[in-house]
Amino acid sequence: MKRPIPWEQFEALQLEVGRIVSVERFPEAKKTAYIIAADFGPTRGTLKTSAQLTQRYKPEDLVGKQIVGVTNFPKKQIGPMMSEFLVLGALDSKNGTAILQVLENVAPGTSIA
């Protein structure tokens, strides 16, 4: 279990809804991964990230899904690509990470509380 954090630390995270627009294999990654592009609405636009989701999903399974992403972390170089957000998921060591999804249709960029 992790230690409690001040409420302000949670409030500092920018959690937003993104819609996955493309998924491609990322052969240069140290661990098997995809490069995911997600639309976060007119303010942020399309952002890319690397995610280790290959155990649970095929690329075509992910396109169109509404996900939850952290959009205010600093960009991070991962091999030849620059990661611009963090996709949130449930870490399932048996079946592979499961993405957190928004099941109702909401606009990309909608804040998560």
N, C-alpha and C. Protein backbone atom coordinates (compact mmCIF):
# COMPACT_ATOMS: atom_id res chain seq x y z
N MET A 1 0.84 -1.17 0.00
CA MET A 1 0.00 0.00 0.00
C MET A 1 0.89 1.24 0.00
N LYS A 2 0.49 2.23 -0.76
CA LYS A 2 1.26 3.48 -0.83
C LYS A 2 0.82 4.43 0.28
N ARG A 3 1.71 5.34 0.62
CA ARG A 3 1.43 6.30 1.68
C ARG A 3 0.38 7.31 1.22
N PRO A 4 -0.41 7.87 2.14
CA PRO A 4 -1.38 8.90 1.77
C PRO A 4 -0.67 10.14 1.23
N ILE A 5 -1.33 10.84 0.32
CA ILE A 5 -0.79 12.08 -0.22
C ILE A 5 -1.74 13.23 0.09
N PRO A 6 -1.21 14.43 0.10
CA PRO A 6 -2.10 15.58 0.31
C PRO A 6 -3.07 15.72 -0.87
N TRP A 7 -4.28 16.19 -0.58
CA TRP A 7 -5.30 16.37 -1.61
C TRP A 7 -4.78 17.23 -2.76
N GLU A 8 -3.94 18.21 -2.45
CA GLU A 8 -3.41 19.12 -3.47
C GLU A 8 -2.61 18.36 -4.54
N GLN A 9 -1.94 17.29 -4.15
CA GLN A 9 -1.18 16.51 -5.13
C GLN A 9 -2.12 15.85 -6.14
N PHE A 10 -3.25 15.32 -5.66
CA PHE A 10 -4.22 14.74 -6.58
C PHE A 10 -4.80 15.83 -7.48
N GLU A 11 -5.15 16.98 -6.89
CA GLU A 11 -5.72 18.07 -7.69
C GLU A 11 -4.77 18.58 -8.75
N ALA A 12 -3.47 18.38 -8.56
CA ALA A 12 -2.48 18.85 -9.53
C ALA A 12 -2.48 18.01 -10.81
N LEU A 13 -3.03 16.80 -10.76
CA LEU A 13 -3.09 15.95 -11.95
C LEU A 13 -4.18 16.45 -12.90
N GLN A 14 -3.86 16.55 -14.18
CA GLN A 14 -4.86 16.87 -15.19
C GLN A 14 -5.27 15.55 -15.83
N LEU A 15 -6.43 15.03 -15.41
CA LEU A 15 -6.97 13.78 -15.93
C LEU A 15 -8.05 14.14 -16.94
N GLU A 16 -7.94 13.62 -18.16
CA GLU A 16 -8.88 13.97 -19.22
C GLU A 16 -9.28 12.75 -20.03
N VAL A 17 -10.43 12.87 -20.68
CA VAL A 17 -10.90 11.83 -21.58
C VAL A 17 -10.24 12.03 -22.94
N GLY A 18 -9.72 10.95 -23.48
CA GLY A 18 -9.18 10.95 -24.83
C GLY A 18 -9.82 9.83 -25.63
N ARG A 19 -9.93 10.03 -26.94
CA ARG A 19 -10.45 8.98 -27.82
C ARG A 19 -9.29 8.48 -28.68
N ILE A 20 -9.01 7.18 -28.60
CA ILE A 20 -7.90 6.60 -29.36
C ILE A 20 -8.21 6.69 -30.85
N VAL A 21 -7.29 7.30 -31.60
CA VAL A 21 -7.48 7.46 -33.04
C VAL A 21 -6.57 6.55 -33.85
N SER A 22 -5.45 6.12 -33.26
CA SER A 22 -4.59 5.17 -33.97
C SER A 22 -3.72 4.40 -32.99
N VAL A 23 -3.36 3.19 -33.40
CA VAL A 23 -2.49 2.32 -32.60
C VAL A 23 -1.54 1.64 -33.57
N GLU A 24 -0.26 1.71 -33.27
CA GLU A 24 0.72 1.02 -34.10
C GLU A 24 1.71 0.28 -33.20
N ARG A 25 2.27 -0.75 -33.74
CA ARG A 25 3.26 -1.51 -32.98
C ARG A 25 4.51 -0.65 -32.78
N PHE A 26 5.22 -0.88 -31.67
CA PHE A 26 6.40 -0.10 -31.31
C PHE A 26 7.57 -1.06 -31.16
N PRO A 27 8.15 -1.51 -32.29
CA PRO A 27 9.19 -2.54 -32.22
C PRO A 27 10.47 -2.09 -31.51
N GLU A 28 10.71 -0.79 -31.43
CA GLU A 28 11.93 -0.30 -30.79
C GLU A 28 11.82 -0.30 -29.26
N ALA A 29 10.65 -0.50 -28.71
CA ALA A 29 10.46 -0.49 -27.25
C ALA A 29 11.19 -1.68 -26.61
N LYS A 30 11.71 -1.46 -25.40
CA LYS A 30 12.40 -2.54 -24.68
C LYS A 30 11.44 -3.67 -24.34
N LYS A 31 10.21 -3.32 -23.92
CA LYS A 31 9.16 -4.30 -23.66
C LYS A 31 8.10 -4.10 -24.73
N THR A 32 7.43 -5.17 -25.12
CA THR A 32 6.44 -5.12 -26.17
C THR A 32 5.40 -4.04 -25.86
N ALA A 33 5.18 -3.14 -26.83
CA ALA A 33 4.29 -2.00 -26.59
C ALA A 33 3.69 -1.50 -27.90
N TYR A 34 2.71 -0.62 -27.74
CA TYR A 34 2.10 0.09 -28.85
C TYR A 34 2.40 1.58 -28.71
N ILE A 35 2.37 2.27 -29.83
CA ILE A 35 2.31 3.73 -29.84
C ILE A 35 0.85 4.07 -30.06
N ILE A 36 0.27 4.79 -29.11
CA ILE A 36 -1.15 5.15 -29.15
C ILE A 36 -1.28 6.64 -29.36
N ALA A 37 -2.11 7.04 -30.31
CA ALA A 37 -2.46 8.45 -30.50
C ALA A 37 -3.90 8.62 -30.06
N ALA A 38 -4.14 9.63 -29.22
CA ALA A 38 -5.48 9.88 -28.70
C ALA A 38 -5.84 11.35 -28.87
N ASP A 39 -7.08 11.58 -29.27
CA ASP A 39 -7.61 12.94 -29.42
C ASP A 39 -8.11 13.41 -28.06
N PHE A 40 -7.53 14.52 -27.57
CA PHE A 40 -7.94 15.11 -26.31
C PHE A 40 -8.68 16.42 -26.51
N GLY A 41 -9.31 16.59 -27.67
CA GLY A 41 -10.15 17.75 -27.90
C GLY A 41 -9.41 18.94 -28.49
N PRO A 42 -10.16 20.03 -28.74
CA PRO A 42 -9.60 21.18 -29.46
C PRO A 42 -8.49 21.91 -28.71
N THR A 43 -8.45 21.85 -27.40
CA THR A 43 -7.41 22.56 -26.65
C THR A 43 -6.07 21.84 -26.73
N ARG A 44 -6.05 20.52 -26.49
CA ARG A 44 -4.80 19.76 -26.49
C ARG A 44 -4.49 19.11 -27.83
N GLY A 45 -5.53 18.74 -28.57
CA GLY A 45 -5.32 18.05 -29.84
C GLY A 45 -4.97 16.60 -29.63
N THR A 46 -4.28 16.02 -30.60
CA THR A 46 -3.89 14.62 -30.57
C THR A 46 -2.53 14.48 -29.91
N LEU A 47 -2.46 13.60 -28.92
CA LEU A 47 -1.22 13.34 -28.19
C LEU A 47 -0.86 11.87 -28.36
N LYS A 48 0.45 11.57 -28.25
CA LYS A 48 0.93 10.19 -28.39
C LYS A 48 1.54 9.70 -27.09
N THR A 49 1.48 8.39 -26.92
CA THR A 49 2.13 7.73 -25.79
C THR A 49 2.53 6.32 -26.19
N SER A 50 3.36 5.72 -25.38
CA SER A 50 3.70 4.31 -25.51
C SER A 50 3.02 3.57 -24.37
N ALA A 51 2.43 2.42 -24.68
CA ALA A 51 1.74 1.66 -23.64
C ALA A 51 1.92 0.17 -23.85
N GLN A 52 2.19 -0.53 -22.76
CA GLN A 52 2.37 -1.98 -22.79
C GLN A 52 1.02 -2.66 -22.64
N LEU A 53 0.28 -2.68 -23.74
CA LEU A 53 -1.08 -3.23 -23.75
C LEU A 53 -1.21 -4.43 -24.69
N THR A 54 -0.10 -4.94 -25.19
CA THR A 54 -0.14 -5.96 -26.23
C THR A 54 -0.62 -7.32 -25.74
N GLN A 55 -0.51 -7.58 -24.44
CA GLN A 55 -0.94 -8.89 -23.91
C GLN A 55 -2.47 -9.01 -23.96
N ARG A 56 -3.18 -7.90 -23.75
CA ARG A 56 -4.64 -7.93 -23.66
C ARG A 56 -5.33 -7.50 -24.94
N TYR A 57 -4.72 -6.59 -25.71
CA TYR A 57 -5.41 -5.96 -26.85
C TYR A 57 -4.66 -6.11 -28.16
N LYS A 58 -5.42 -6.21 -29.23
CA LYS A 58 -4.90 -6.04 -30.59
C LYS A 58 -5.11 -4.58 -30.94
N PRO A 59 -4.31 -4.02 -31.85
CA PRO A 59 -4.48 -2.60 -32.19
C PRO A 59 -5.91 -2.22 -32.56
N GLU A 60 -6.56 -3.05 -33.35
CA GLU A 60 -7.92 -2.73 -33.80
C GLU A 60 -8.95 -2.75 -32.66
N ASP A 61 -8.62 -3.42 -31.54
CA ASP A 61 -9.51 -3.44 -30.38
C ASP A 61 -9.53 -2.10 -29.65
N LEU A 62 -8.47 -1.33 -29.81
CA LEU A 62 -8.31 -0.09 -29.04
C LEU A 62 -8.84 1.15 -29.76
N VAL A 63 -8.77 1.16 -31.08
CA VAL A 63 -9.18 2.35 -31.83
C VAL A 63 -10.65 2.67 -31.56
N GLY A 64 -10.91 3.94 -31.22
CA GLY A 64 -12.26 4.40 -30.94
C GLY A 64 -12.63 4.39 -29.47
N LYS A 65 -11.85 3.70 -28.64
CA LYS A 65 -12.16 3.66 -27.21
C LYS A 65 -11.87 5.00 -26.55
N GLN A 66 -12.73 5.36 -25.58
CA GLN A 66 -12.51 6.55 -24.76
C GLN A 66 -11.72 6.12 -23.54
N ILE A 67 -10.57 6.77 -23.34
CA ILE A 67 -9.66 6.40 -22.27
C ILE A 67 -9.51 7.55 -21.29
N VAL A 68 -8.83 7.28 -20.19
CA VAL A 68 -8.46 8.31 -19.23
C VAL A 68 -6.95 8.49 -19.32
N GLY A 69 -6.52 9.74 -19.48
CA GLY A 69 -5.10 10.03 -19.57
C GLY A 69 -4.68 11.16 -18.65
N VAL A 70 -3.44 11.10 -18.18
CA VAL A 70 -2.83 12.21 -17.46
C VAL A 70 -2.13 13.06 -18.52
N THR A 71 -2.56 14.31 -18.65
CA THR A 71 -2.07 15.15 -19.75
C THR A 71 -1.14 16.26 -19.31
N ASN A 72 -0.81 16.33 -18.03
CA ASN A 72 0.09 17.41 -17.61
C ASN A 72 1.41 16.91 -17.03
N PHE A 73 1.79 15.68 -17.32
CA PHE A 73 3.14 15.23 -17.01
C PHE A 73 4.08 15.83 -18.05
N PRO A 74 5.36 16.00 -17.70
CA PRO A 74 6.32 16.44 -18.72
C PRO A 74 6.45 15.38 -19.81
N LYS A 75 6.74 15.81 -21.02
CA LYS A 75 6.99 14.85 -22.11
C LYS A 75 8.17 13.97 -21.72
N LYS A 76 8.15 12.72 -22.22
CA LYS A 76 9.20 11.76 -21.87
C LYS A 76 9.65 11.03 -23.13
N GLN A 77 10.94 11.03 -23.37
CA GLN A 77 11.50 10.31 -24.51
C GLN A 77 11.51 8.82 -24.21
N ILE A 78 10.87 8.04 -25.08
CA ILE A 78 10.86 6.58 -24.95
C ILE A 78 11.37 6.03 -26.28
N GLY A 79 12.64 5.65 -26.28
CA GLY A 79 13.25 5.23 -27.55
C GLY A 79 13.17 6.37 -28.55
N PRO A 80 12.70 6.08 -29.77
CA PRO A 80 12.63 7.13 -30.79
C PRO A 80 11.37 8.00 -30.73
N MET A 81 10.48 7.75 -29.78
CA MET A 81 9.24 8.55 -29.74
C MET A 81 9.17 9.36 -28.45
N MET A 82 8.43 10.48 -28.52
CA MET A 82 8.21 11.34 -27.37
C MET A 82 6.81 11.07 -26.81
N SER A 83 6.74 10.58 -25.58
CA SER A 83 5.46 10.33 -24.93
C SER A 83 4.91 11.65 -24.39
N GLU A 84 3.63 11.93 -24.71
CA GLU A 84 3.03 13.22 -24.35
C GLU A 84 1.93 13.10 -23.29
N PHE A 85 1.53 11.88 -22.94
CA PHE A 85 0.54 11.68 -21.89
C PHE A 85 0.71 10.27 -21.34
N LEU A 86 0.03 10.00 -20.23
CA LEU A 86 0.05 8.67 -19.62
C LEU A 86 -1.36 8.11 -19.66
N VAL A 87 -1.53 6.97 -20.32
CA VAL A 87 -2.83 6.31 -20.32
C VAL A 87 -2.95 5.50 -19.04
N LEU A 88 -4.11 5.59 -18.38
CA LEU A 88 -4.31 4.88 -17.12
C LEU A 88 -4.89 3.50 -17.36
N GLY A 89 -4.45 2.55 -16.55
CA GLY A 89 -4.92 1.18 -16.70
C GLY A 89 -4.84 0.42 -15.40
N ALA A 90 -5.55 -0.69 -15.35
CA ALA A 90 -5.51 -1.61 -14.21
C ALA A 90 -4.43 -2.65 -14.50
N LEU A 91 -3.45 -2.75 -13.62
CA LEU A 91 -2.31 -3.64 -13.83
C LEU A 91 -2.67 -5.07 -13.45
N ASP A 92 -2.96 -5.87 -14.46
CA ASP A 92 -3.35 -7.26 -14.27
C ASP A 92 -2.20 -8.13 -14.76
N SER A 93 -1.42 -8.69 -13.85
CA SER A 93 -0.23 -9.45 -14.24
C SER A 93 -0.57 -10.74 -14.97
N LYS A 94 -1.77 -11.26 -14.78
CA LYS A 94 -2.15 -12.51 -15.43
C LYS A 94 -2.60 -12.29 -16.88
N ASN A 95 -3.48 -11.30 -17.12
CA ASN A 95 -4.08 -11.10 -18.44
C ASN A 95 -3.58 -9.86 -19.18
N GLY A 96 -2.72 -9.08 -18.55
CA GLY A 96 -2.23 -7.86 -19.16
C GLY A 96 -3.03 -6.65 -18.70
N THR A 97 -2.43 -5.49 -18.79
CA THR A 97 -3.05 -4.25 -18.33
C THR A 97 -4.35 -3.98 -19.08
N ALA A 98 -5.37 -3.57 -18.32
CA ALA A 98 -6.68 -3.22 -18.88
C ALA A 98 -6.82 -1.70 -18.79
N ILE A 99 -7.09 -1.05 -19.92
CA ILE A 99 -7.22 0.41 -19.92
C ILE A 99 -8.46 0.83 -19.14
N LEU A 100 -8.37 2.01 -18.51
CA LEU A 100 -9.54 2.60 -17.88
C LEU A 100 -10.33 3.29 -18.98
N GLN A 101 -11.61 2.96 -19.09
CA GLN A 101 -12.44 3.50 -20.15
C GLN A 101 -13.59 4.33 -19.60
N VAL A 102 -14.01 5.30 -20.40
CA VAL A 102 -15.22 6.07 -20.12
C VAL A 102 -16.29 5.47 -21.02
N LEU A 103 -17.31 4.87 -20.41
CA LEU A 103 -18.30 4.14 -21.18
C LEU A 103 -19.38 5.02 -21.79
N GLU A 104 -19.65 6.17 -21.19
CA GLU A 104 -20.62 7.10 -21.77
C GLU A 104 -19.89 7.95 -22.79
N ASN A 105 -20.61 8.40 -23.82
CA ASN A 105 -20.00 9.22 -24.85
C ASN A 105 -19.87 10.66 -24.36
N VAL A 106 -18.62 11.11 -24.13
CA VAL A 106 -18.35 12.48 -23.73
C VAL A 106 -17.32 13.07 -24.68
N ALA A 107 -17.23 14.38 -24.70
CA ALA A 107 -16.30 15.05 -25.60
C ALA A 107 -14.86 14.80 -25.19
N PRO A 108 -13.97 14.56 -26.18
CA PRO A 108 -12.54 14.47 -25.87
C PRO A 108 -12.09 15.75 -25.16
N GLY A 109 -11.25 15.56 -24.14
CA GLY A 109 -10.76 16.68 -23.36
C GLY A 109 -11.56 16.94 -22.10
N THR A 110 -12.68 16.21 -21.92
CA THR A 110 -13.48 16.37 -20.71
C THR A 110 -12.65 16.00 -19.49
N SER A 111 -12.67 16.84 -18.47
CA SER A 111 -11.90 16.61 -17.24
C SER A 111 -12.50 15.48 -16.44
N ILE A 112 -11.61 14.74 -15.76
CA ILE A 112 -12.00 13.67 -14.85
C ILE A 112 -11.85 14.21 -13.43
N ALA A 113 -12.83 13.95 -12.60
CA ALA A 113 -12.76 14.41 -11.20
C ALA A 113 -12.74 13.21 -10.28
